[in-house]
Amino acid sequence: MVGSRFCELSELQLVKADLNGEISVDITEQESVENFFQDNKFETVILFSAFTDVDSAEGQRGNKSGTCWRVNVAGAKNVVEACRHFKRKLIFISTDFVFDGENGPYSETDLVGPNLEKVSWYGITKIEGEKLINNSLDDFMIIRISYPYRSRFGSKADFAKQILQRYDNHDLYPLFADQQITPTFIDDLAPCISLLLSKNAGGIYNLASPEPVSPYEFGIELIRIFGYDPHYIERGKLKTLLKKPGMTPRPLRGGMKTDKIEKLGFKPTDWKNGIREIFRQSNGRLI
């Protein structure tokens, strides 16, 4: 969903590989990763591959043999080791789910966690991936995104499409009015990464809407822009839901600050303009 759009929009010369692609790589297999590095010429690796189903990941909490850990940590480690051995730069796509959601929006210098009991297993695996990179490589970038959305994509429902689909099917759950997020317009990734590479940038960068919003506010605007009646959207409370046993932890007061990347000359798309753009690109029909 994210990597494919990057490939569509990027003006960089790309060697595209994935598990089922023309060039096949299984990042959970060290030999597969090493063969890819040996057989192809490139200067930089952008690691989009990740297990991102947050609720499914939570069912694997504490299980380092589970798919989430194998992909997000063990798989990342294989790529990190190959980058170190072959002296390649690594760009790692991460998430604001590395934070516990107590004091957002967060800057790049804020400590991840820190209360891991309030961080999902998915978020914990991404924390571990970030640690591997920080401790093993000198030449890297970590780009954190949040609740990504894009124009039409048939294979997976993103943050915006899921709302529209459920609204259209009359089964839209109440949207949280007490949660703070900063959704990422996926189209920003290609120009952002090109700029960062041109400046030989390194370290951690946040890429998200500069303006925070609640899922409820986002949903109201999304439904309105796409020509539906937002009055049918119900308010929900994440704080209430999180008190229920077995619920997947989610940042309540999350989101990210984008001052650092803006100072380099890139202004991320705010959530309102992002909604307008996916409406324009999809001719008003995202579902």
C-alpha atoms as a PDB file:
ATOM      1  CA  MET A   1       0.000   0.000   0.000  1.00  0.00           C
ATOM      2  CA  VAL A   2       2.808   2.416   0.904  1.00  0.00           C
ATOM      3  CA  GLY A   3       5.751   0.971  -1.001  1.00  0.00           C
ATOM      4  CA  SER A   4       3.787   0.459  -4.212  1.00  0.00           C
ATOM      5  CA  ARG A   5       2.718   4.103  -4.276  1.00  0.00           C
ATOM      6  CA  PHE A   6       6.281   5.204  -3.644  1.00  0.00           C
ATOM      7  CA  CYS A   7       7.382   3.152  -6.657  1.00  0.00           C
ATOM      8  CA  GLU A   8       4.647   4.718  -8.805  1.00  0.00           C
ATOM      9  CA  LEU A   9       5.659   8.268  -7.940  1.00  0.00           C
ATOM     10  CA  SER A  10       9.408   8.104  -7.391  1.00  0.00           C
ATOM     11  CA  GLU A  11      11.761   9.553  -9.997  1.00  0.00           C
ATOM     12  CA  LEU A  12      14.679   7.597  -8.577  1.00  0.00           C
ATOM     13  CA  GLN A  13      16.143   4.641 -10.459  1.00  0.00           C
ATOM     14  CA  LEU A  14      14.688   1.697  -8.571  1.00  0.00           C
ATOM     15  CA  VAL A  15      15.442  -1.997  -8.174  1.00  0.00           C
ATOM     16  CA  LYS A  16      12.075  -3.296  -6.962  1.00  0.00           C
ATOM     17  CA  ALA A  17      11.959  -6.519  -4.967  1.00  0.00           C
ATOM     18  CA  ASP A  18       9.487  -8.235  -2.680  1.00  0.00           C
ATOM     19  CA  LEU A  19       8.438 -11.690  -1.592  1.00  0.00           C
ATOM     20  CA  ASN A  20       6.328 -12.394  -4.693  1.00  0.00           C
ATOM     21  CA  GLY A  21       7.842  -9.904  -7.126  1.00  0.00           C
ATOM     22  CA  GLU A  22       9.850 -10.324 -10.298  1.00  0.00           C
ATOM     23  CA  ILE A  23      12.888 -10.039  -8.054  1.00  0.00           C
ATOM     24  CA  SER A  24      11.976 -12.165  -5.049  1.00  0.00           C
ATOM     25  CA  VAL A  25      13.382 -11.500  -1.593  1.00  0.00           C
ATOM     26  CA  ASP A  26      12.326 -13.043   1.705  1.00  0.00           C
ATOM     27  CA  ILE A  27      13.754 -10.735   4.357  1.00  0.00           C
ATOM     28  CA  THR A  28      13.222 -13.391   7.042  1.00  0.00           C
ATOM     29  CA  GLU A  29      15.810 -15.567   5.261  1.00  0.00           C
ATOM     30  CA  GLN A  30      19.370 -14.283   5.597  1.00  0.00           C
ATOM     31  CA  GLU A  31      20.585 -16.081   2.456  1.00  0.00           C
ATOM     32  CA  SER A  32      17.789 -14.554   0.364  1.00  0.00           C
ATOM     33  CA  VAL A  33      18.747 -11.059   1.519  1.00  0.00           C
ATOM     34  CA  GLU A  34      22.462 -11.612   0.906  1.00  0.00           C
ATOM     35  CA  ASN A  35      21.809 -12.959  -2.595  1.00  0.00           C
ATOM     36  CA  PHE A  36      19.766  -9.882  -3.433  1.00  0.00           C
ATOM     37  CA  PHE A  37      22.580  -7.575  -2.319  1.00  0.00           C
ATOM     38  CA  GLN A  38      25.167  -9.582  -4.255  1.00  0.00           C
ATOM     39  CA  ASP A  39      23.151  -9.767  -7.474  1.00  0.00           C
ATOM     40  CA  ASN A  40      21.985  -6.139  -7.731  1.00  0.00           C
ATOM     41  CA  LYS A  41      23.653  -2.750  -7.839  1.00  0.00           C
ATOM     42  CA  PHE A  42      22.192   0.033  -5.705  1.00  0.00           C
ATOM     43  CA  GLU A  43      23.355   2.644  -3.210  1.00  0.00           C
ATOM     44  CA  THR A  44      20.374   2.787  -0.862  1.00  0.00           C
ATOM     45  CA  VAL A  45      17.818   0.309   0.483  1.00  0.00           C
ATOM     46  CA  ILE A  46      14.313   1.473   1.418  1.00  0.00           C
ATOM     47  CA  LEU A  47      12.752  -1.125   3.682  1.00  0.00           C
ATOM     48  CA  PHE A  48       8.974  -0.926   3.309  1.00  0.00           C
ATOM     49  CA  SER A  49       8.367  -4.574   4.218  1.00  0.00           C
ATOM     50  CA  ALA A  50       6.576  -4.928   7.538  1.00  0.00           C
ATOM     51  CA  PHE A  51       3.858  -6.804   9.373  1.00  0.00           C
ATOM     52  CA  THR A  52       1.376  -3.976   9.970  1.00  0.00           C
ATOM     53  CA  ASP A  53      -1.860  -5.668  11.096  1.00  0.00           C
ATOM     54  CA  VAL A  54      -1.891  -4.166  14.589  1.00  0.00           C
ATOM     55  CA  ASP A  55      -4.696  -6.277  16.018  1.00  0.00           C
ATOM     56  CA  SER A  56      -3.372  -9.533  14.556  1.00  0.00           C
ATOM     57  CA  ALA A  57       0.075  -8.653  15.882  1.00  0.00           C
ATOM     58  CA  GLU A  58      -1.341  -8.176  19.375  1.00  0.00           C
ATOM     59  CA  GLY A  59      -2.425 -11.811  19.352  1.00  0.00           C
ATOM     60  CA  GLN A  60       1.275 -12.653  19.016  1.00  0.00           C
ATOM     61  CA  ARG A  61       2.387 -10.440  21.934  1.00  0.00           C
ATOM     62  CA  GLY A  62       5.590 -11.789  23.480  1.00  0.00           C
ATOM     63  CA  ASN A  63       6.019 -14.417  20.758  1.00  0.00           C
ATOM     64  CA  LYS A  64       9.366 -13.971  19.028  1.00  0.00           C
ATOM     65  CA  SER A  65       8.563 -16.893  16.738  1.00  0.00           C
ATOM     66  CA  GLY A  66       5.444 -15.138  15.420  1.00  0.00           C
ATOM     67  CA  THR A  67       5.213 -13.572  11.990  1.00  0.00           C
ATOM     68  CA  CYS A  68       5.204 -10.012  13.325  1.00  0.00           C
ATOM     69  CA  TRP A  69       8.545 -10.406  15.145  1.00  0.00           C
ATOM     70  CA  ARG A  70      10.059 -12.492  12.339  1.00  0.00           C
ATOM     71  CA  VAL A  71       9.311  -9.795   9.759  1.00  0.00           C
ATOM     72  CA  ASN A  72       9.675  -6.572  11.753  1.00  0.00           C
ATOM     73  CA  VAL A  73      12.677  -7.536  13.864  1.00  0.00           C
ATOM     74  CA  ALA A  74      14.454 -10.638  12.547  1.00  0.00           C
ATOM     75  CA  GLY A  75      13.802  -9.573   8.945  1.00  0.00           C
ATOM     76  CA  ALA A  76      14.981  -6.034   9.622  1.00  0.00           C
ATOM     77  CA  LYS A  77      18.110  -7.458  11.263  1.00  0.00           C
ATOM     78  CA  ASN A  78      18.948  -9.421   8.097  1.00  0.00           C
ATOM     79  CA  VAL A  79      18.649  -6.254   6.019  1.00  0.00           C
ATOM     80  CA  VAL A  80      20.661  -4.225   8.527  1.00  0.00           C
ATOM     81  CA  GLU A  81      23.477  -6.775   8.532  1.00  0.00           C
ATOM     82  CA  ALA A  82      23.541  -6.837   4.736  1.00  0.00           C
ATOM     83  CA  CYS A  83      23.653  -3.028   4.606  1.00  0.00           C
ATOM     84  CA  ARG A  84      26.570  -3.042   7.031  1.00  0.00           C
ATOM     85  CA  HIS A  85      28.442  -5.750   5.121  1.00  0.00           C
ATOM     86  CA  PHE A  86      27.867  -4.278   1.649  1.00  0.00           C
ATOM     87  CA  LYS A  87      28.139  -0.662   2.859  1.00  0.00           C
ATOM     88  CA  ARG A  88      24.681   0.482   1.711  1.00  0.00           C
ATOM     89  CA  LYS A  89      22.534   3.248   3.168  1.00  0.00           C
ATOM     90  CA  LEU A  90      19.275   2.105   4.790  1.00  0.00           C
ATOM     91  CA  ILE A  91      15.973   3.983   4.899  1.00  0.00           C
ATOM     92  CA  PHE A  92      13.623   2.298   7.364  1.00  0.00           C
ATOM     93  CA  ILE A  93       9.905   3.072   7.343  1.00  0.00           C
ATOM     94  CA  SER A  94       8.624   3.185  10.919  1.00  0.00           C
ATOM     95  CA  THR A  95       5.566   4.456  12.788  1.00  0.00           C
ATOM     96  CA  ASP A  96       4.297   6.706  15.561  1.00  0.00           C
ATOM     97  CA  PHE A  97       3.062   3.513  17.257  1.00  0.00           C
ATOM     98  CA  VAL A  98       6.533   3.359  18.853  1.00  0.00           C
ATOM     99  CA  PHE A  99       5.132   5.868  21.404  1.00  0.00           C
ATOM    100  CA  ASP A 100       2.726   5.144  24.257  1.00  0.00           C
ATOM    101  CA  GLY A 101       0.424   8.046  23.376  1.00  0.00           C
ATOM    102  CA  GLU A 102       0.648   9.845  26.695  1.00  0.00           C
ATOM    103  CA  ASN A 103       2.271  13.101  25.559  1.00  0.00           C
ATOM    104  CA  GLY A 104       1.975  13.519  21.794  1.00  0.00           C
ATOM    105  CA  PRO A 105       2.473  14.907  19.307  1.00  0.00           C
ATOM    106  CA  TYR A 106       6.052  13.637  19.397  1.00  0.00           C
ATOM    107  CA  SER A 107       9.289  14.972  17.980  1.00  0.00           C
ATOM    108  CA  GLU A 108      12.170  12.870  16.679  1.00  0.00           C
ATOM    109  CA  THR A 109      14.091  13.366  19.926  1.00  0.00           C
ATOM    110  CA  ASP A 110      11.349  12.042  22.217  1.00  0.00           C
ATOM    111  CA  LEU A 111      12.031   8.678  23.822  1.00  0.00           C
ATOM    112  CA  VAL A 112      10.115   5.758  22.331  1.00  0.00           C
ATOM    113  CA  GLY A 113       7.640   4.103  24.677  1.00  0.00           C
ATOM    114  CA  PRO A 114       8.349   4.797  27.433  1.00  0.00           C
ATOM    115  CA  ASN A 115       5.485   2.804  28.970  1.00  0.00           C
ATOM    116  CA  LEU A 116       5.618  -0.392  26.921  1.00  0.00           C
ATOM    117  CA  GLU A 117       2.432  -1.682  28.547  1.00  0.00           C
ATOM    118  CA  LYS A 118       0.646   1.021  26.558  1.00  0.00           C
ATOM    119  CA  VAL A 119       2.482   0.195  23.330  1.00  0.00           C
ATOM    120  CA  SER A 120       1.094  -2.468  20.995  1.00  0.00           C
ATOM    121  CA  TRP A 121       3.174  -5.519  20.079  1.00  0.00           C
ATOM    122  CA  TYR A 122       3.393  -4.092  16.565  1.00  0.00           C
ATOM    123  CA  GLY A 123       4.815  -0.886  18.037  1.00  0.00           C
ATOM    124  CA  ILE A 124       7.266  -2.839  20.191  1.00  0.00           C
ATOM    125  CA  THR A 125       8.591  -4.722  17.146  1.00  0.00           C
ATOM    126  CA  LYS A 126       9.120  -1.433  15.325  1.00  0.00           C
ATOM    127  CA  ILE A 127      10.957  -0.076  18.386  1.00  0.00           C
ATOM    128  CA  GLU A 128      13.246  -3.106  18.222  1.00  0.00           C
ATOM    129  CA  GLY A 129      13.794  -2.521  14.503  1.00  0.00           C
ATOM    130  CA  GLU A 130      14.748   1.090  15.150  1.00  0.00           C
ATOM    131  CA  LYS A 131      17.154   0.021  17.917  1.00  0.00           C
ATOM    132  CA  LEU A 132      18.883  -2.447  15.587  1.00  0.00           C
ATOM    133  CA  ILE A 133      19.474   0.298  13.052  1.00  0.00           C
ATOM    134  CA  ASN A 134      20.643   2.892  15.561  1.00  0.00           C
ATOM    135  CA  ASN A 135      23.071   0.444  17.162  1.00  0.00           C
ATOM    136  CA  SER A 136      24.435  -1.128  13.975  1.00  0.00           C
ATOM    137  CA  LEU A 137      24.603   1.462  11.190  1.00  0.00           C
ATOM    138  CA  ASP A 138      26.173   4.864  10.679  1.00  0.00           C
ATOM    139  CA  ASP A 139      24.454   5.666   7.383  1.00  0.00           C
ATOM    140  CA  PHE A 140      20.687   5.411   7.798  1.00  0.00           C
ATOM    141  CA  MET A 141      17.383   7.248   7.924  1.00  0.00           C
ATOM    142  CA  ILE A 142      14.292   6.268   9.894  1.00  0.00           C
ATOM    143  CA  ILE A 143      11.095   7.810   8.517  1.00  0.00           C
ATOM    144  CA  ARG A 144       8.097   7.540  10.796  1.00  0.00           C
ATOM    145  CA  ILE A 145       4.629   7.688   9.281  1.00  0.00           C
ATOM    146  CA  SER A 146       1.178   7.555  10.883  1.00  0.00           C
ATOM    147  CA  TYR A 147      -2.251   6.249   9.765  1.00  0.00           C
ATOM    148  CA  PRO A 148      -1.235   6.290   6.064  1.00  0.00           C
ATOM    149  CA  TYR A 149      -3.822   6.895   3.342  1.00  0.00           C
ATOM    150  CA  ARG A 150      -3.765   7.296  -0.432  1.00  0.00           C
ATOM    151  CA  SER A 151      -5.971   7.384  -3.484  1.00  0.00           C
ATOM    152  CA  ARG A 152      -7.411   4.232  -5.040  1.00  0.00           C
ATOM    153  CA  PHE A 153      -5.670   0.962  -4.172  1.00  0.00           C
ATOM    154  CA  GLY A 154      -7.444  -2.340  -4.643  1.00  0.00           C
ATOM    155  CA  SER A 155      -5.373  -4.645  -2.480  1.00  0.00           C
ATOM    156  CA  LYS A 156      -5.867  -3.127   0.951  1.00  0.00           C
ATOM    157  CA  ALA A 157      -8.102  -0.644   2.750  1.00  0.00           C
ATOM    158  CA  ASP A 158      -6.116   2.206   4.293  1.00  0.00           C
ATOM    159  CA  PHE A 159      -7.252   4.601   7.017  1.00  0.00           C
ATOM    160  CA  ALA A 160      -9.465   6.685   4.711  1.00  0.00           C
ATOM    161  CA  LYS A 161     -10.765   3.899   2.501  1.00  0.00           C
ATOM    162  CA  GLN A 162     -11.798   1.789   5.485  1.00  0.00           C
ATOM    163  CA  ILE A 163     -13.997   4.616   6.771  1.00  0.00           C
ATOM    164  CA  LEU A 164     -15.612   5.137   3.369  1.00  0.00           C
ATOM    165  CA  GLN A 165     -16.160   1.438   2.788  1.00  0.00           C
ATOM    166  CA  ARG A 166     -17.799   0.896   6.156  1.00  0.00           C
ATOM    167  CA  TYR A 167     -19.932   4.003   5.760  1.00  0.00           C
ATOM    168  CA  ASP A 168     -21.082   2.752   2.358  1.00  0.00           C
ATOM    169  CA  ASN A 169     -21.886  -0.672   3.895  1.00  0.00           C
ATOM    170  CA  HIS A 170     -23.765   0.930   6.816  1.00  0.00           C
ATOM    171  CA  ASP A 171     -21.451  -0.681   9.376  1.00  0.00           C
ATOM    172  CA  LEU A 172     -19.155   2.208  10.277  1.00  0.00           C
ATOM    173  CA  TYR A 173     -18.102   1.941  13.922  1.00  0.00           C
ATOM    174  CA  PRO A 174     -18.100   5.088  16.119  1.00  0.00           C
ATOM    175  CA  LEU A 175     -14.993   7.140  15.316  1.00  0.00           C
ATOM    176  CA  PHE A 176     -12.836   8.258  18.224  1.00  0.00           C
ATOM    177  CA  ALA A 177     -13.306  11.897  19.145  1.00  0.00           C
ATOM    178  CA  ASP A 178     -10.803  11.775  22.022  1.00  0.00           C
ATOM    179  CA  GLN A 179      -7.822  10.427  20.073  1.00  0.00           C
ATOM    180  CA  GLN A 180      -5.164  12.661  18.517  1.00  0.00           C
ATOM    181  CA  ILE A 181      -3.454  11.507  15.304  1.00  0.00           C
ATOM    182  CA  THR A 182      -1.492  13.012  12.411  1.00  0.00           C
ATOM    183  CA  PRO A 183      -2.330  10.956   9.281  1.00  0.00           C
ATOM    184  CA  THR A 184       0.308  10.603   6.564  1.00  0.00           C
ATOM    185  CA  PHE A 185      -0.599  11.275   2.922  1.00  0.00           C
ATOM    186  CA  ILE A 186       1.350   8.475   1.240  1.00  0.00           C
ATOM    187  CA  ASP A 187       2.119  10.561  -1.864  1.00  0.00           C
ATOM    188  CA  ASP A 188       4.451  12.675   0.298  1.00  0.00           C
ATOM    189  CA  LEU A 189       6.962   9.832   0.652  1.00  0.00           C
ATOM    190  CA  ALA A 190       8.469   9.934  -2.844  1.00  0.00           C
ATOM    191  CA  PRO A 191       9.348  13.655  -2.942  1.00  0.00           C
ATOM    192  CA  CYS A 192      10.327  13.602   0.732  1.00  0.00           C
ATOM    193  CA  ILE A 193      12.806  10.749   0.330  1.00  0.00           C
ATOM    194  CA  SER A 194      14.246  12.318  -2.835  1.00  0.00           C
ATOM    195  CA  LEU A 195      14.864  15.559  -0.956  1.00  0.00           C
ATOM    196  CA  LEU A 196      16.433  13.810   2.032  1.00  0.00           C
ATOM    197  CA  LEU A 197      18.740  11.791  -0.236  1.00  0.00           C
ATOM    198  CA  SER A 198      19.769  14.931  -2.147  1.00  0.00           C
ATOM    199  CA  LYS A 199      20.806  16.474   1.165  1.00  0.00           C
ATOM    200  CA  ASN A 200      22.558  13.269   2.297  1.00  0.00           C
ATOM    201  CA  ALA A 201      20.393  13.408   5.397  1.00  0.00           C
ATOM    202  CA  GLY A 202      20.565  10.919   8.238  1.00  0.00           C
ATOM    203  CA  GLY A 203      18.776  10.090  11.470  1.00  0.00           C
ATOM    204  CA  ILE A 204      15.061  10.110  12.268  1.00  0.00           C
ATOM    205  CA  TYR A 205      12.389  12.128  10.462  1.00  0.00           C
ATOM    206  CA  ASN A 206       8.646  12.399  11.036  1.00  0.00           C
ATOM    207  CA  LEU A 207       6.411  12.529   7.949  1.00  0.00           C
ATOM    208  CA  ALA A 208       2.782  13.241   8.812  1.00  0.00           C
ATOM    209  CA  SER A 209       0.127  15.924   8.773  1.00  0.00           C
ATOM    210  CA  PRO A 210       1.504  19.041  10.514  1.00  0.00           C
ATOM    211  CA  GLU A 211      -1.985  19.545  11.966  1.00  0.00           C
ATOM    212  CA  PRO A 212      -3.326  16.972  14.480  1.00  0.00           C
ATOM    213  CA  VAL A 213      -6.867  15.679  14.100  1.00  0.00           C
ATOM    214  CA  SER A 214      -9.154  13.154  15.755  1.00  0.00           C
ATOM    215  CA  PRO A 215     -10.406  10.163  13.717  1.00  0.00           C
ATOM    216  CA  TYR A 216     -13.909  11.580  14.224  1.00  0.00           C
ATOM    217  CA  GLU A 217     -12.979  14.953  12.706  1.00  0.00           C
ATOM    218  CA  PHE A 218     -11.096  13.227   9.898  1.00  0.00           C
ATOM    219  CA  GLY A 219     -14.097  11.013   9.164  1.00  0.00           C
ATOM    220  CA  ILE A 220     -16.540  13.942   9.160  1.00  0.00           C
ATOM    221  CA  GLU A 221     -14.428  15.839   6.610  1.00  0.00           C
ATOM    222  CA  LEU A 222     -13.769  12.723   4.525  1.00  0.00           C
ATOM    223  CA  ILE A 223     -17.448  11.801   4.295  1.00  0.00           C
ATOM    224  CA  ARG A 224     -18.411  15.393   3.520  1.00  0.00           C
ATOM    225  CA  ILE A 225     -15.814  15.817   0.759  1.00  0.00           C
ATOM    226  CA  PHE A 226     -16.879  12.544  -0.869  1.00  0.00           C
ATOM    227  CA  GLY A 227     -20.470  13.722  -0.977  1.00  0.00           C
ATOM    228  CA  TYR A 228     -22.079  11.727   1.827  1.00  0.00           C
ATOM    229  CA  ASP A 229     -23.969  12.879   4.924  1.00  0.00           C
ATOM    230  CA  PRO A 230     -21.601  13.141   7.917  1.00  0.00           C
ATOM    231  CA  HIS A 231     -24.493  13.378  10.399  1.00  0.00           C
ATOM    232  CA  TYR A 232     -24.653   9.585  10.519  1.00  0.00           C
ATOM    233  CA  ILE A 233     -21.142   9.307  11.965  1.00  0.00           C
ATOM    234  CA  GLU A 234     -21.155   8.442  15.660  1.00  0.00           C
ATOM    235  CA  ARG A 235     -18.658   9.685  18.244  1.00  0.00           C
ATOM    236  CA  GLY A 236     -16.610   7.097  20.058  1.00  0.00           C
ATOM    237  CA  LYS A 237     -14.124   7.194  22.936  1.00  0.00           C
ATOM    238  CA  LEU A 238     -10.830   5.361  22.639  1.00  0.00           C
ATOM    239  CA  LYS A 239     -10.175   5.928  26.337  1.00  0.00           C
ATOM    240  CA  THR A 240     -13.255   3.860  27.188  1.00  0.00           C
ATOM    241  CA  LEU A 241     -12.368   1.111  24.731  1.00  0.00           C
ATOM    242  CA  LEU A 242      -8.800   0.799  26.015  1.00  0.00           C
ATOM    243  CA  LYS A 243     -10.131  -0.066  29.488  1.00  0.00           C
ATOM    244  CA  LYS A 244     -11.650  -3.298  28.177  1.00  0.00           C
ATOM    245  CA  PRO A 245      -9.579  -6.460  28.772  1.00  0.00           C
ATOM    246  CA  GLY A 246      -7.643  -7.727  25.785  1.00  0.00           C
ATOM    247  CA  MET A 247      -7.841  -4.528  23.731  1.00  0.00           C
ATOM    248  CA  THR A 248      -4.880  -3.660  21.542  1.00  0.00           C
ATOM    249  CA  PRO A 249      -3.040  -0.636  22.980  1.00  0.00           C
ATOM    250  CA  ARG A 250      -3.212   2.433  20.755  1.00  0.00           C
ATOM    251  CA  PRO A 251      -1.758   5.909  21.279  1.00  0.00           C
ATOM    252  CA  LEU A 252      -4.477   8.125  22.749  1.00  0.00           C
ATOM    253  CA  ARG A 253      -2.595  11.382  22.521  1.00  0.00           C
ATOM    254  CA  GLY A 254      -0.337  10.434  19.640  1.00  0.00           C
ATOM    255  CA  GLY A 255       0.766  12.028  16.405  1.00  0.00           C
ATOM    256  CA  MET A 256       4.059  13.567  15.407  1.00  0.00           C
ATOM    257  CA  LYS A 257       5.671  16.971  15.004  1.00  0.00           C
ATOM    258  CA  THR A 258       7.163  17.777  11.596  1.00  0.00           C
ATOM    259  CA  ASP A 259       9.361  20.795  12.370  1.00  0.00           C
ATOM    260  CA  LYS A 260      12.584  18.915  11.591  1.00  0.00           C
ATOM    261  CA  ILE A 261      11.643  17.925   8.056  1.00  0.00           C
ATOM    262  CA  GLU A 262      10.067  21.309   7.379  1.00  0.00           C
ATOM    263  CA  LYS A 263      13.353  23.012   8.235  1.00  0.00           C
ATOM    264  CA  LEU A 264      14.967  20.947   5.469  1.00  0.00           C
ATOM    265  CA  GLY A 265      12.460  22.347   2.990  1.00  0.00           C
ATOM    266  CA  PHE A 266       9.697  19.731   2.878  1.00  0.00           C
ATOM    267  CA  LYS A 267       6.199  20.672   4.025  1.00  0.00           C
ATOM    268  CA  PRO A 268       4.070  17.551   4.566  1.00  0.00           C
ATOM    269  CA  THR A 269       0.464  17.588   3.343  1.00  0.00           C
ATOM    270  CA  ASP A 270      -1.999  18.493   6.082  1.00  0.00           C
ATOM    271  CA  TRP A 271      -4.936  16.141   6.571  1.00  0.00           C
ATOM    272  CA  LYS A 272      -7.581  18.415   5.025  1.00  0.00           C
ATOM    273  CA  ASN A 273      -5.624  18.937   1.821  1.00  0.00           C
ATOM    274  CA  GLY A 274      -4.795  15.235   1.759  1.00  0.00           C
ATOM    275  CA  ILE A 275      -8.496  14.362   1.752  1.00  0.00           C
ATOM    276  CA  ARG A 276      -9.138  16.834  -1.055  1.00  0.00           C
ATOM    277  CA  GLU A 277      -6.291  15.348  -3.074  1.00  0.00           C
ATOM    278  CA  ILE A 278      -7.440  11.729  -2.801  1.00  0.00           C
ATOM    279  CA  PHE A 279     -10.918  12.916  -3.801  1.00  0.00           C
ATOM    280  CA  ARG A 280      -9.455  14.636  -6.863  1.00  0.00           C
ATOM    281  CA  GLN A 281      -7.256  11.677  -7.832  1.00  0.00           C
ATOM    282  CA  SER A 282     -10.076   9.149  -7.450  1.00  0.00           C
ATOM    283  CA  ASN A 283     -12.691  11.256  -9.233  1.00  0.00           C
ATOM    284  CA  GLY A 284     -14.789  11.165  -6.095  1.00  0.00           C
ATOM    285  CA  ARG A 285     -14.985   7.367  -5.899  1.00  0.00           C
ATOM    286  CA  LEU A 286     -12.419   5.805  -3.570  1.00  0.00           C
ATOM    287  CA  ILE A 287     -14.447   2.714  -2.658  1.00  0.00           C
END
